[in-house]
Amino acid sequence: MKLRRMKAAAGRKALLVACLTVAAALGEAAPATAATVEVKLVQTPAGDTYFDPAGVHIAPGDTVRWVQLSGFHSIAAYHPSNDNHELRIPVSAKAWDSGVLLAENPKRAAAFEHVFTVQGVYDYFCKPHEMAGMVGRIVVGAPGDGPGTKPVGYAPGERWKPVPEVARAAFPPIDEILQKGTVRGAGAAALQ
């Protein structure tokens, strides 16, 4: 009986060591408890559109959940795989595109989630409202020196679709996101 318990304990220890080894090999931090941060997608009766908050700071492994409150919106990473947009997320990160959300919270299909495992700065936009400046920025862990930290238009030889001027002006500053944790965009702040 005692031998069986010792073998079971040794097996659990070997499994734990294997899991930690795999996590270390992947080079990704595994937080003790991953959080979910909510970002609202808003369109006012006057037609103003924005993400609220527009800037968030999260830890690697955390999830961002975008919830559509009004209007019709999408959430897409600035990445060449999204209609040849400029790369503005970490090079090793996976791009995303929610497609247009057709329902409003709390109905089904009114939300989209993405788990962020690679540290860095992620810029994203709403496809129907990019030209209205509906963009957001997520800082995962430390900002590093990836594409999201560089000036817009940093690689003209790539011939990516340019980021519209109104969108450039709407990105919250990285330093402010790090300092405050969340930053409301100009559209949300104007309605308070």
Foldseek 3Di string as FASTA:
>chain_A
DVVVVVVVVVVVVVVVVVVVVVCVVVVWDDDPDAEEAEWEWDADPVGQTAIVAQEAEGAAFHKYKYFYADDKWKKWWQDCVPVQGHHQWAPPDDTDILPIQDDHPPDPSRMDMDHGTDFAKIKIATVVCQVSQHIGMYGYDDHPDGRNNDQFPPCVVSVGDGRDPSNSVFYDDPVVCVVPRTHHTPVVVVVD
